[in-house]
Amino acid sequence: MTSDQTVHPKYKTSTSDVEGYTRIKHVYIPMRDGIELCADIFLPLSSSKDGAKAPVLCSLGPYGKDIHASEFGLPKTDIYANMYKSIKPLGPDACFELPEPMLWVSVLAQPL
């Protein structure tokens, strides 16, 4: 590790079923250069419970994976939070400028 890289605390990986899909939070994915990316994985229940295989849609957002879309920009601006009030459904894992897991995983059965 070089001096310009910051060591971040490891988050504990957890699995739970929410809104019709399985959420696996804080999965560490090693890269070739030794860096680890911390990702969340969203699986349809058919994949997580029955072991059905499905292609995964990978997405990366510039604003972080743990800030809910309804809270993005707060407290400095409420423009984004107000915008997301009109989007229905808005699940518990919705993030700004990322696919909405409740729609993609629960309805379309597409792992994220």
PDB file of N, CA and C in Angstrom:
ATOM      1  N   MET A   1       0.846  -1.175   0.000  1.00  0.00           N
ATOM      2  CA  MET A   1       0.000   0.000   0.000  1.00  0.00           C
ATOM      3  C   MET A   1       0.889   1.236   0.000  1.00  0.00           C
ATOM      4  N   THR A   2       0.553   2.184  -0.831  1.00  0.00           N
ATOM      5  CA  THR A   2       1.331   3.411  -0.901  1.00  0.00           C
ATOM      6  C   THR A   2       0.835   4.397   0.152  1.00  0.00           C
ATOM      7  N   SER A   3       1.622   5.415   0.391  1.00  0.00           N
ATOM      8  CA  SER A   3       1.284   6.382   1.441  1.00  0.00           C
ATOM      9  C   SER A   3       0.054   7.226   1.104  1.00  0.00           C
ATOM     10  N   ASP A   4      -0.340   7.305  -0.188  1.00  0.00           N
ATOM     11  CA  ASP A   4      -1.493   8.118  -0.540  1.00  0.00           C
ATOM     12  C   ASP A   4      -2.809   7.337  -0.469  1.00  0.00           C
ATOM     13  N   GLN A   5      -2.759   6.048  -0.131  1.00  0.00           N
ATOM     14  CA  GLN A   5      -3.969   5.261   0.013  1.00  0.00           C
ATOM     15  C   GLN A   5      -4.405   5.263   1.478  1.00  0.00           C
ATOM     16  N   THR A   6      -5.689   5.379   1.693  1.00  0.00           N
ATOM     17  CA  THR A   6      -6.237   5.415   3.040  1.00  0.00           C
ATOM     18  C   THR A   6      -6.754   4.037   3.411  1.00  0.00           C
ATOM     19  N   VAL A   7      -6.476   3.595   4.610  1.00  0.00           N
ATOM     20  CA  VAL A   7      -7.007   2.337   5.093  1.00  0.00           C
ATOM     21  C   VAL A   7      -8.380   2.608   5.696  1.00  0.00           C
ATOM     22  N   HIS A   8      -9.388   1.938   5.174  1.00  0.00           N
ATOM     23  CA  HIS A   8     -10.749   2.104   5.675  1.00  0.00           C
ATOM     24  C   HIS A   8     -11.118   0.895   6.522  1.00  0.00           C
ATOM     25  N   PRO A   9     -11.923   1.101   7.531  1.00  0.00           N
ATOM     26  CA  PRO A   9     -12.336  -0.044   8.343  1.00  0.00           C
ATOM     27  C   PRO A   9     -13.184  -1.000   7.513  1.00  0.00           C
ATOM     28  N   LYS A  10     -13.008  -2.268   7.752  1.00  0.00           N
ATOM     29  CA  LYS A  10     -13.831  -3.246   7.046  1.00  0.00           C
ATOM     30  C   LYS A  10     -15.226  -3.258   7.667  1.00  0.00           C
ATOM     31  N   TYR A  11     -16.221  -3.236   6.803  1.00  0.00           N
ATOM     32  CA  TYR A  11     -17.596  -3.374   7.247  1.00  0.00           C
ATOM     33  C   TYR A  11     -17.905  -4.863   7.344  1.00  0.00           C
ATOM     34  N   LYS A  12     -18.809  -5.201   8.212  1.00  0.00           N
ATOM     35  CA  LYS A  12     -19.216  -6.590   8.356  1.00  0.00           C
ATOM     36  C   LYS A  12     -20.221  -6.930   7.260  1.00  0.00           C
ATOM     37  N   THR A  13     -19.997  -8.045   6.576  1.00  0.00           N
ATOM     38  CA  THR A  13     -20.922  -8.499   5.545  1.00  0.00           C
ATOM     39  C   THR A  13     -22.172  -9.051   6.215  1.00  0.00           C
ATOM     40  N   SER A  14     -23.338  -8.654   5.714  1.00  0.00           N
ATOM     41  CA  SER A  14     -24.599  -9.141   6.273  1.00  0.00           C
ATOM     42  C   SER A  14     -25.563  -9.474   5.140  1.00  0.00           C
ATOM     43  N   THR A  15     -26.429 -10.427   5.398  1.00  0.00           N
ATOM     44  CA  THR A  15     -27.423 -10.868   4.418  1.00  0.00           C
ATOM     45  C   THR A  15     -28.813 -10.762   5.023  1.00  0.00           C
ATOM     46  N   SER A  16     -29.752 -10.223   4.246  1.00  0.00           N
ATOM     47  CA  SER A  16     -31.139 -10.131   4.708  1.00  0.00           C
ATOM     48  C   SER A  16     -32.078 -10.130   3.504  1.00  0.00           C
ATOM     49  N   ASP A  17     -33.305 -10.567   3.733  1.00  0.00           N
ATOM     50  CA  ASP A  17     -34.345 -10.523   2.707  1.00  0.00           C
ATOM     51  C   ASP A  17     -35.184  -9.278   2.936  1.00  0.00           C
ATOM     52  N   VAL A  18     -35.302  -8.442   1.891  1.00  0.00           N
ATOM     53  CA  VAL A  18     -36.079  -7.201   1.980  1.00  0.00           C
ATOM     54  C   VAL A  18     -36.862  -6.983   0.697  1.00  0.00           C
ATOM     55  N   GLU A  19     -38.099  -6.551   0.815  1.00  0.00           N
ATOM     56  CA  GLU A  19     -38.914  -6.121  -0.329  1.00  0.00           C
ATOM     57  C   GLU A  19     -38.896  -7.107  -1.499  1.00  0.00           C
ATOM     58  N   GLY A  20     -38.845  -8.410  -1.221  1.00  0.00           N
ATOM     59  CA  GLY A  20     -38.918  -9.403  -2.288  1.00  0.00           C
ATOM     60  C   GLY A  20     -37.590  -9.782  -2.928  1.00  0.00           C
ATOM     61  N   TYR A  21     -36.476  -9.418  -2.324  1.00  0.00           N
ATOM     62  CA  TYR A  21     -35.163  -9.816  -2.836  1.00  0.00           C
ATOM     63  C   TYR A  21     -34.210 -10.004  -1.671  1.00  0.00           C
ATOM     64  N   THR A  22     -33.052 -10.606  -1.953  1.00  0.00           N
ATOM     65  CA  THR A  22     -32.038 -10.796  -0.929  1.00  0.00           C
ATOM     66  C   THR A  22     -30.958  -9.743  -1.106  1.00  0.00           C
ATOM     67  N   ARG A  23     -30.609  -9.074  -0.009  1.00  0.00           N
ATOM     68  CA  ARG A  23     -29.577  -8.037  -0.023  1.00  0.00           C
ATOM     69  C   ARG A  23     -28.365  -8.567   0.747  1.00  0.00           C
ATOM     70  N   ILE A  24     -27.204  -8.542   0.095  1.00  0.00           N
ATOM     71  CA  ILE A  24     -25.947  -8.893   0.752  1.00  0.00           C
ATOM     72  C   ILE A  24     -25.129  -7.606   0.801  1.00  0.00           C
ATOM     73  N   LYS A  25     -24.973  -7.053   1.995  1.00  0.00           N
ATOM     74  CA  LYS A  25     -24.290  -5.763   2.170  1.00  0.00           C
ATOM     75  C   LYS A  25     -22.801  -5.962   2.427  1.00  0.00           C
ATOM     76  N   HIS A  26     -22.004  -5.101   1.883  1.00  0.00           N
ATOM     77  CA  HIS A  26     -20.568  -5.000   2.163  1.00  0.00           C
ATOM     78  C   HIS A  26     -19.784  -6.268   1.803  1.00  0.00           C
ATOM     79  N   VAL A  27     -19.866  -6.647   0.543  1.00  0.00           N
ATOM     80  CA  VAL A  27     -19.068  -7.762   0.035  1.00  0.00           C
ATOM     81  C   VAL A  27     -17.785  -7.166  -0.539  1.00  0.00           C
ATOM     82  N   TYR A  28     -16.641  -7.666  -0.098  1.00  0.00           N
ATOM     83  CA  TYR A  28     -15.358  -7.141  -0.567  1.00  0.00           C
ATOM     84  C   TYR A  28     -14.889  -7.931  -1.782  1.00  0.00           C
ATOM     85  N   ILE A  29     -14.587  -7.204  -2.860  1.00  0.00           N
ATOM     86  CA  ILE A  29     -14.173  -7.810  -4.121  1.00  0.00           C
ATOM     87  C   ILE A  29     -12.750  -7.372  -4.404  1.00  0.00           C
ATOM     88  N   PRO A  30     -11.791  -8.330  -4.408  1.00  0.00           N
ATOM     89  CA  PRO A  30     -10.390  -7.964  -4.634  1.00  0.00           C
ATOM     90  C   PRO A  30     -10.121  -7.622  -6.102  1.00  0.00           C
ATOM     91  N   MET A  31      -9.344  -6.584  -6.311  1.00  0.00           N
ATOM     92  CA  MET A  31      -8.917  -6.192  -7.652  1.00  0.00           C
ATOM     93  C   MET A  31      -7.481  -6.684  -7.878  1.00  0.00           C
ATOM     94  N   ARG A  32      -7.055  -6.684  -9.137  1.00  0.00           N
ATOM     95  CA  ARG A  32      -5.710  -7.175  -9.464  1.00  0.00           C
ATOM     96  C   ARG A  32      -4.605  -6.375  -8.800  1.00  0.00           C
ATOM     97  N   ASP A  33      -4.853  -5.087  -8.531  1.00  0.00           N
ATOM     98  CA  ASP A  33      -3.812  -4.250  -7.932  1.00  0.00           C
ATOM     99  C   ASP A  33      -3.787  -4.329  -6.406  1.00  0.00           C
ATOM    100  N   GLY A  34      -4.624  -5.195  -5.831  1.00  0.00           N
ATOM    101  CA  GLY A  34      -4.636  -5.370  -4.385  1.00  0.00           C
ATOM    102  C   GLY A  34      -5.700  -4.572  -3.655  1.00  0.00           C
ATOM    103  N   ILE A  35      -6.320  -3.637  -4.338  1.00  0.00           N
ATOM    104  CA  ILE A  35      -7.395  -2.838  -3.740  1.00  0.00           C
ATOM    105  C   ILE A  35      -8.648  -3.706  -3.632  1.00  0.00           C
ATOM    106  N   GLU A  36      -9.444  -3.467  -2.619  1.00  0.00           N
ATOM    107  CA  GLU A  36     -10.718  -4.161  -2.483  1.00  0.00           C
ATOM    108  C   GLU A  36     -11.862  -3.167  -2.648  1.00  0.00           C
ATOM    109  N   LEU A  37     -12.825  -3.513  -3.486  1.00  0.00           N
ATOM    110  CA  LEU A  37     -14.029  -2.714  -3.624  1.00  0.00           C
ATOM    111  C   LEU A  37     -15.082  -3.278  -2.678  1.00  0.00           C
ATOM    112  N   CYS A  38     -15.831  -2.418  -2.032  1.00  0.00           N
ATOM    113  CA  CYS A  38     -16.898  -2.845  -1.139  1.00  0.00           C
ATOM    114  C   CYS A  38     -18.213  -2.668  -1.898  1.00  0.00           C
ATOM    115  N   ALA A  39     -18.916  -3.771  -2.130  1.00  0.00           N
ATOM    116  CA  ALA A  39     -20.130  -3.744  -2.944  1.00  0.00           C
ATOM    117  C   ALA A  39     -21.312  -4.316  -2.183  1.00  0.00           C
ATOM    118  N   ASP A  40     -22.494  -3.967  -2.653  1.00  0.00           N
ATOM    119  CA  ASP A  40     -23.723  -4.593  -2.186  1.00  0.00           C
ATOM    120  C   ASP A  40     -24.232  -5.445  -3.346  1.00  0.00           C
ATOM    121  N   ILE A  41     -24.763  -6.621  -3.022  1.00  0.00           N
ATOM    122  CA  ILE A  41     -25.284  -7.529  -4.045  1.00  0.00           C
ATOM    123  C   ILE A  41     -26.764  -7.723  -3.767  1.00  0.00           C
ATOM    124  N   PHE A  42     -27.574  -7.621  -4.817  1.00  0.00           N
ATOM    125  CA  PHE A  42     -29.013  -7.783  -4.711  1.00  0.00           C
ATOM    126  C   PHE A  42     -29.420  -8.947  -5.603  1.00  0.00           C
ATOM    127  N   LEU A  43     -30.029  -9.973  -5.010  1.00  0.00           N
ATOM    128  CA  LEU A  43     -30.390 -11.184  -5.749  1.00  0.00           C
ATOM    129  C   LEU A  43     -31.887 -11.434  -5.691  1.00  0.00           C
ATOM    130  N   PRO A  44     -32.460 -11.903  -6.813  1.00  0.00           N
ATOM    131  CA  PRO A  44     -33.849 -12.341  -6.732  1.00  0.00           C
ATOM    132  C   PRO A  44     -33.927 -13.537  -5.783  1.00  0.00           C
ATOM    133  N   LEU A  45     -35.064 -13.727  -5.150  1.00  0.00           N
ATOM    134  CA  LEU A  45     -35.199 -14.837  -4.218  1.00  0.00           C
ATOM    135  C   LEU A  45     -34.959 -16.178  -4.907  1.00  0.00           C
ATOM    136  N   SER A  46     -35.264 -16.269  -6.210  1.00  0.00           N
ATOM    137  CA  SER A  46     -35.020 -17.519  -6.933  1.00  0.00           C
ATOM    138  C   SER A  46     -33.541 -17.865  -6.974  1.00  0.00           C
ATOM    139  N   SER A  47     -32.681 -16.859  -7.004  1.00  0.00           N
ATOM    140  CA  SER A  47     -31.235 -17.111  -7.005  1.00  0.00           C
ATOM    141  C   SER A  47     -30.709 -17.377  -5.609  1.00  0.00           C
ATOM    142  N   SER A  48     -31.166 -16.599  -4.633  1.00  0.00           N
ATOM    143  CA  SER A  48     -30.617 -16.739  -3.288  1.00  0.00           C
ATOM    144  C   SER A  48     -31.174 -17.959  -2.555  1.00  0.00           C
ATOM    145  N   LYS A  49     -32.409 -18.325  -2.818  1.00  0.00           N
ATOM    146  CA  LYS A  49     -33.035 -19.443  -2.102  1.00  0.00           C
ATOM    147  C   LYS A  49     -32.936 -20.758  -2.865  1.00  0.00           C
ATOM    148  N   ASP A  50     -33.124 -20.705  -4.192  1.00  0.00           N
ATOM    149  CA  ASP A  50     -33.169 -21.923  -4.994  1.00  0.00           C
ATOM    150  C   ASP A  50     -31.865 -22.208  -5.721  1.00  0.00           C
ATOM    151  N   GLY A  51     -30.933 -21.268  -5.679  1.00  0.00           N
ATOM    152  CA  GLY A  51     -29.652 -21.456  -6.353  1.00  0.00           C
ATOM    153  C   GLY A  51     -29.702 -21.262  -7.863  1.00  0.00           C
ATOM    154  N   ALA A  52     -30.783 -20.665  -8.376  1.00  0.00           N
ATOM    155  CA  ALA A  52     -30.890 -20.421  -9.814  1.00  0.00           C
ATOM    156  C   ALA A  52     -29.827 -19.419 -10.248  1.00  0.00           C
ATOM    157  N   LYS A  53     -29.158 -19.710 -11.353  1.00  0.00           N
ATOM    158  CA  LYS A  53     -28.118 -18.805 -11.856  1.00  0.00           C
ATOM    159  C   LYS A  53     -28.744 -17.759 -12.769  1.00  0.00           C
ATOM    160  N   ALA A  54     -28.177 -16.568 -12.719  1.00  0.00           N
ATOM    161  CA  ALA A  54     -28.662 -15.470 -13.554  1.00  0.00           C
ATOM    162  C   ALA A  54     -27.506 -14.517 -13.801  1.00  0.00           C
ATOM    163  N   PRO A  55     -27.471 -13.873 -14.986  1.00  0.00           N
ATOM    164  CA  PRO A  55     -26.418 -12.883 -15.233  1.00  0.00           C
ATOM    165  C   PRO A  55     -26.603 -11.674 -14.322  1.00  0.00           C
ATOM    166  N   VAL A  56     -25.501 -11.050 -13.969  1.00  0.00           N
ATOM    167  CA  VAL A  56     -25.537  -9.921 -13.041  1.00  0.00           C
ATOM    168  C   VAL A  56     -25.305  -8.618 -13.790  1.00  0.00           C
ATOM    169  N   LEU A  57     -26.069  -7.606 -13.450  1.00  0.00           N
ATOM    170  CA  LEU A  57     -25.873  -6.262 -13.975  1.00  0.00           C
ATOM    171  C   LEU A  57     -25.012  -5.503 -12.970  1.00  0.00           C
ATOM    172  N   CYS A  58     -23.808  -5.133 -13.372  1.00  0.00           N
ATOM    173  CA  CYS A  58     -22.902  -4.394 -12.485  1.00  0.00           C
ATOM    174  C   CYS A  58     -23.104  -2.903 -12.689  1.00  0.00           C
ATOM    175  N   SER A  59     -23.171  -2.180 -11.597  1.00  0.00           N
ATOM    176  CA  SER A  59     -23.301  -0.729 -11.695  1.00  0.00           C
ATOM    177  C   SER A  59     -22.409  -0.084 -10.642  1.00  0.00           C
ATOM    178  N   LEU A  60     -21.901   1.076 -10.974  1.00  0.00           N
ATOM    179  CA  LEU A  60     -21.030   1.815 -10.065  1.00  0.00           C
ATOM    180  C   LEU A  60     -21.484   3.261 -10.067  1.00  0.00           C
ATOM    181  N   GLY A  61     -21.775   3.765  -8.895  1.00  0.00           N
ATOM    182  CA  GLY A  61     -22.224   5.144  -8.782  1.00  0.00           C
ATOM    183  C   GLY A  61     -21.155   6.016  -8.164  1.00  0.00           C
ATOM    184  N   PRO A  62     -21.073   7.257  -8.581  1.00  0.00           N
ATOM    185  CA  PRO A  62     -20.045   8.165  -8.066  1.00  0.00           C
ATOM    186  C   PRO A  62     -20.344   8.736  -6.683  1.00  0.00           C
ATOM    187  N   TYR A  63     -21.545   8.496  -6.157  1.00  0.00           N
ATOM    188  CA  TYR A  63     -21.942   9.166  -4.917  1.00  0.00           C
ATOM    189  C   TYR A  63     -22.025   8.250  -3.706  1.00  0.00           C
ATOM    190  N   GLY A  64     -21.575   7.026  -3.809  1.00  0.00           N
ATOM    191  CA  GLY A  64     -21.613   6.115  -2.672  1.00  0.00           C
ATOM    192  C   GLY A  64     -22.820   5.210  -2.696  1.00  0.00           C
ATOM    193  N   LYS A  65     -22.681   4.054  -2.062  1.00  0.00           N
ATOM    194  CA  LYS A  65     -23.737   3.053  -2.107  1.00  0.00           C
ATOM    195  C   LYS A  65     -24.634   3.047  -0.877  1.00  0.00           C
ATOM    196  N   ASP A  66     -24.288   3.797   0.137  1.00  0.00           N
ATOM    197  CA  ASP A  66     -25.038   3.737   1.390  1.00  0.00           C
ATOM    198  C   ASP A  66     -25.826   4.994   1.717  1.00  0.00           C
ATOM    199  N   ILE A  67     -25.961   5.903   0.766  1.00  0.00           N
ATOM    200  CA  ILE A  67     -26.783   7.105   0.973  1.00  0.00           C
ATOM    201  C   ILE A  67     -28.078   6.902   0.196  1.00  0.00           C
ATOM    202  N   HIS A  68     -29.197   6.790   0.911  1.00  0.00           N
ATOM    203  CA  HIS A  68     -30.473   6.551   0.259  1.00  0.00           C
ATOM    204  C   HIS A  68     -30.830   7.731  -0.637  1.00  0.00           C
ATOM    205  N   ALA A  69     -31.480   7.437  -1.751  1.00  0.00           N
ATOM    206  CA  ALA A  69     -31.836   8.482  -2.716  1.00  0.00           C
ATOM    207  C   ALA A  69     -32.676   9.590  -2.088  1.00  0.00           C
ATOM    208  N   SER A  70     -33.534   9.252  -1.138  1.00  0.00           N
ATOM    209  CA  SER A  70     -34.399  10.269  -0.523  1.00  0.00           C
ATOM    210  C   SER A  70     -33.635  11.192   0.425  1.00  0.00           C
ATOM    211  N   GLU A  71     -32.362  10.865   0.720  1.00  0.00           N
ATOM    212  CA  GLU A  71     -31.547  11.696   1.603  1.00  0.00           C
ATOM    213  C   GLU A  71     -30.374  12.347   0.882  1.00  0.00           C
ATOM    214  N   PHE A  72     -30.237  12.066  -0.409  1.00  0.00           N
ATOM    215  CA  PHE A  72     -29.092  12.591  -1.144  1.00  0.00           C
ATOM    216  C   PHE A  72     -29.135  14.117  -1.197  1.00  0.00           C
ATOM    217  N   GLY A  73     -28.003  14.751  -0.896  1.00  0.00           N
ATOM    218  CA  GLY A  73     -27.878  16.202  -0.955  1.00  0.00           C
ATOM    219  C   GLY A  73     -28.233  16.926   0.334  1.00  0.00           C
ATOM    220  N   LEU A  74     -28.940  16.236   1.220  1.00  0.00           N
ATOM    221  CA  LEU A  74     -29.329  16.873   2.479  1.00  0.00           C
ATOM    222  C   LEU A  74     -28.126  16.983   3.409  1.00  0.00           C
ATOM    223  N   PRO A  75     -27.992  17.986   4.192  1.00  0.00           N
ATOM    224  CA  PRO A  75     -28.917  19.096   4.426  1.00  0.00           C
ATOM    225  C   PRO A  75     -28.649  20.304   3.535  1.00  0.00           C
ATOM    226  N   LYS A  76     -27.638  20.258   2.674  1.00  0.00           N
ATOM    227  CA  LYS A  76     -27.283  21.442   1.887  1.00  0.00           C
ATOM    228  C   LYS A  76     -28.341  21.803   0.847  1.00  0.00           C
ATOM    229  N   THR A  77     -28.930  20.803   0.214  1.00  0.00           N
ATOM    230  CA  THR A  77     -29.979  21.065  -0.773  1.00  0.00           C
ATOM    231  C   THR A  77     -31.029  19.972  -0.686  1.00  0.00           C
ATOM    232  N   ASP A  78     -32.271  20.341  -0.905  1.00  0.00           N
ATOM    233  CA  ASP A  78     -33.340  19.344  -0.874  1.00  0.00           C
ATOM    234  C   ASP A  78     -33.886  19.041  -2.262  1.00  0.00           C
ATOM    235  N   ILE A  79     -33.239  19.533  -3.304  1.00  0.00           N
ATOM    236  CA  ILE A  79     -33.747  19.350  -4.658  1.00  0.00           C
ATOM    237  C   ILE A  79     -33.841  17.872  -5.035  1.00  0.00           C
ATOM    238  N   TYR A  80     -32.838  17.068  -4.667  1.00  0.00           N
ATOM    239  CA  TYR A  80     -32.850  15.650  -5.031  1.00  0.00           C
ATOM    240  C   TYR A  80     -33.831  14.871  -4.167  1.00  0.00           C
ATOM    241  N   ALA A  81     -33.874  15.162  -2.888  1.00  0.00           N
ATOM    242  CA  ALA A  81     -34.827  14.495  -1.993  1.00  0.00           C
ATOM    243  C   ALA A  81     -36.256  14.768  -2.446  1.00  0.00           C
ATOM    244  N   ASN A  82     -36.543  15.999  -2.851  1.00  0.00           N
ATOM    245  CA  ASN A  82     -37.884  16.335  -3.337  1.00  0.00           C
ATOM    246  C   ASN A  82     -38.186  15.637  -4.656  1.00  0.00           C
ATOM    247  N   MET A  83     -37.189  15.499  -5.513  1.00  0.00           N
ATOM    248  CA  MET A  83     -37.379  14.805  -6.788  1.00  0.00           C
ATOM    249  C   MET A  83     -37.753  13.345  -6.550  1.00  0.00           C
ATOM    250  N   TYR A  84     -37.073  12.706  -5.602  1.00  0.00           N
ATOM    251  CA  TYR A  84     -37.322  11.286  -5.352  1.00  0.00           C
ATOM    252  C   TYR A  84     -38.648  11.022  -4.658  1.00  0.00           C
ATOM    253  N   LYS A  85     -39.276  12.047  -4.085  1.00  0.00           N
ATOM    254  CA  LYS A  85     -40.588  11.868  -3.456  1.00  0.00           C
ATOM    255  C   LYS A  85     -41.642  11.456  -4.472  1.00  0.00           C
ATOM    256  N   SER A  86     -41.460  11.858  -5.733  1.00  0.00           N
ATOM    257  CA  SER A  86     -42.459  11.546  -6.761  1.00  0.00           C
ATOM    258  C   SER A  86     -42.195  10.214  -7.454  1.00  0.00           C
ATOM    259  N   ILE A  87     -41.110   9.540  -7.130  1.00  0.00           N
ATOM    260  CA  ILE A  87     -40.790   8.264  -7.767  1.00  0.00           C
ATOM    261  C   ILE A  87     -41.346   7.136  -6.913  1.00  0.00           C
ATOM    262  N   LYS A  88     -42.227   6.355  -7.500  1.00  0.00           N
ATOM    263  CA  LYS A  88     -42.846   5.226  -6.805  1.00  0.00           C
ATOM    264  C   LYS A  88     -42.715   3.989  -7.682  1.00  0.00           C
ATOM    265  N   PRO A  89     -42.358   2.857  -7.162  1.00  0.00           N
ATOM    266  CA  PRO A  89     -41.934   2.617  -5.794  1.00  0.00           C
ATOM    267  C   PRO A  89     -40.477   3.029  -5.603  1.00  0.00           C
ATOM    268  N   LEU A  90     -40.139   3.327  -4.382  1.00  0.00           N
ATOM    269  CA  LEU A  90     -38.764   3.662  -4.030  1.00  0.00           C
ATOM    270  C   LEU A  90     -38.397   2.777  -2.841  1.00  0.00           C
ATOM    271  N   GLY A  91     -37.604   1.763  -3.099  1.00  0.00           N
ATOM    272  CA  GLY A  91     -37.290   0.765  -2.086  1.00  0.00           C
ATOM    273  C   GLY A  91     -36.238   1.208  -1.086  1.00  0.00           C
ATOM    274  N   PRO A  92     -35.905   0.341  -0.144  1.00  0.00           N
ATOM    275  CA  PRO A  92     -34.974   0.685   0.930  1.00  0.00           C
ATOM    276  C   PRO A  92     -33.515   0.799   0.484  1.00  0.00           C
ATOM    277  N   ASP A  93     -33.201   0.348  -0.736  1.00  0.00           N
ATOM    278  CA  ASP A  93     -31.817   0.396  -1.217  1.00  0.00           C
ATOM    279  C   ASP A  93     -31.622   1.333  -2.408  1.00  0.00           C
ATOM    280  N   ALA A  94     -32.577   2.206  -2.649  1.00  0.00           N
ATOM    281  CA  ALA A  94     -32.471   3.149  -3.763  1.00  0.00           C
ATOM    282  C   ALA A  94     -31.349   4.147  -3.499  1.00  0.00           C
ATOM    283  N   CYS A  95     -30.454   4.294  -4.462  1.00  0.00           N
ATOM    284  CA  CYS A  95     -29.356   5.259  -4.355  1.00  0.00           C
ATOM    285  C   CYS A  95     -29.373   6.179  -5.567  1.00  0.00           C
ATOM    286  N   PHE A  96     -28.857   7.370  -5.379  1.00  0.00           N
ATOM    287  CA  PHE A  96     -28.840   8.384  -6.425  1.00  0.00           C
ATOM    288  C   PHE A  96     -28.058   7.897  -7.644  1.00  0.00           C
ATOM    289  N   GLU A  97     -28.673   7.961  -8.812  1.00  0.00           N
ATOM    290  CA  GLU A  97     -28.090   7.598 -10.104  1.00  0.00           C
ATOM    291  C   GLU A  97     -27.637   6.138 -10.191  1.00  0.00           C
ATOM    292  N   LEU A  98     -28.342   5.245  -9.504  1.00  0.00           N
ATOM    293  CA  LEU A  98     -28.079   3.807  -9.600  1.00  0.00           C
ATOM    294  C   LEU A  98     -29.394   3.082  -9.859  1.00  0.00           C
ATOM    295  N   PRO A  99     -29.330   1.872 -10.433  1.00  0.00           N
ATOM    296  CA  PRO A  99     -30.573   1.118 -10.636  1.00  0.00           C
ATOM    297  C   PRO A  99     -31.286   0.869  -9.307  1.00  0.00           C
ATOM    298  N   GLU A 100     -32.587   0.935  -9.327  1.00  0.00           N
ATOM    299  CA  GLU A 100     -33.404   0.715  -8.129  1.00  0.00           C
ATOM    300  C   GLU A 100     -33.571  -0.790  -7.920  1.00  0.00           C
ATOM    301  N   PRO A 101     -32.957  -1.360  -6.866  1.00  0.00           N
ATOM    302  CA  PRO A 101     -33.026  -2.807  -6.663  1.00  0.00           C
ATOM    303  C   PRO A 101     -34.439  -3.375  -6.558  1.00  0.00           C
ATOM    304  N   MET A 102     -35.366  -2.632  -5.955  1.00  0.00           N
ATOM    305  CA  MET A 102     -36.713  -3.161  -5.806  1.00  0.00           C
ATOM    306  C   MET A 102     -37.348  -3.420  -7.168  1.00  0.00           C
ATOM    307  N   LEU A 103     -37.121  -2.557  -8.129  1.00  0.00           N
ATOM    308  CA  LEU A 103     -37.655  -2.746  -9.473  1.00  0.00           C
ATOM    309  C   LEU A 103     -36.859  -3.815 -10.229  1.00  0.00           C
ATOM    310  N   TRP A 104     -35.550  -3.637 -10.300  1.00  0.00           N
ATOM    311  CA  TRP A 104     -34.720  -4.537 -11.105  1.00  0.00           C
ATOM    312  C   TRP A 104     -34.697  -5.959 -10.570  1.00  0.00           C
ATOM    313  N   VAL A 105     -34.607  -6.117  -9.260  1.00  0.00           N
ATOM    314  CA  VAL A 105     -34.446  -7.455  -8.691  1.00  0.00           C
ATOM    315  C   VAL A 105     -35.791  -8.105  -8.389  1.00  0.00           C
ATOM    316  N   SER A 106     -36.683  -7.397  -7.702  1.00  0.00           N
ATOM    317  CA  SER A 106     -37.974  -7.977  -7.338  1.00  0.00           C
ATOM    318  C   SER A 106     -38.883  -8.195  -8.548  1.00  0.00           C
ATOM    319  N   VAL A 107     -38.998  -7.178  -9.385  1.00  0.00           N
ATOM    320  CA  VAL A 107     -39.947  -7.230 -10.498  1.00  0.00           C
ATOM    321  C   VAL A 107     -39.345  -7.896 -11.736  1.00  0.00           C
ATOM    322  N   LEU A 108     -38.128  -7.494 -12.106  1.00  0.00           N
ATOM    323  CA  LEU A 108     -37.513  -7.988 -13.335  1.00  0.00           C
ATOM    324  C   LEU A 108     -36.623  -9.217 -13.111  1.00  0.00           C
ATOM    325  N   ALA A 109     -36.400  -9.618 -11.863  1.00  0.00           N
ATOM    326  CA  ALA A 109     -35.571 -10.788 -11.507  1.00  0.00           C
ATOM    327  C   ALA A 109     -34.154 -10.661 -12.078  1.00  0.00           C
ATOM    328  N   GLN A 110     -33.624  -9.448 -12.072  1.00  0.00           N
ATOM    329  CA  GLN A 110     -32.279  -9.190 -12.586  1.00  0.00           C
ATOM    330  C   GLN A 110     -31.340  -8.898 -11.418  1.00  0.00           C
ATOM    331  N   PRO A 111     -30.356  -9.779 -11.137  1.00  0.00           N
ATOM    332  CA  PRO A 111     -29.423  -9.503 -10.052  1.00  0.00           C
ATOM    333  C   PRO A 111     -28.599  -8.247 -10.319  1.00  0.00           C
ATOM    334  N   LEU A 112     -28.319  -7.511  -9.264  1.00  0.00           N
ATOM    335  CA  LEU A 112     -27.470  -6.316  -9.348  1.00  0.00           C
ATOM    336  C   LEU A 112     -26.243  -6.540  -8.492  1.00  0.00           C
TER     337      LEU A 112
END
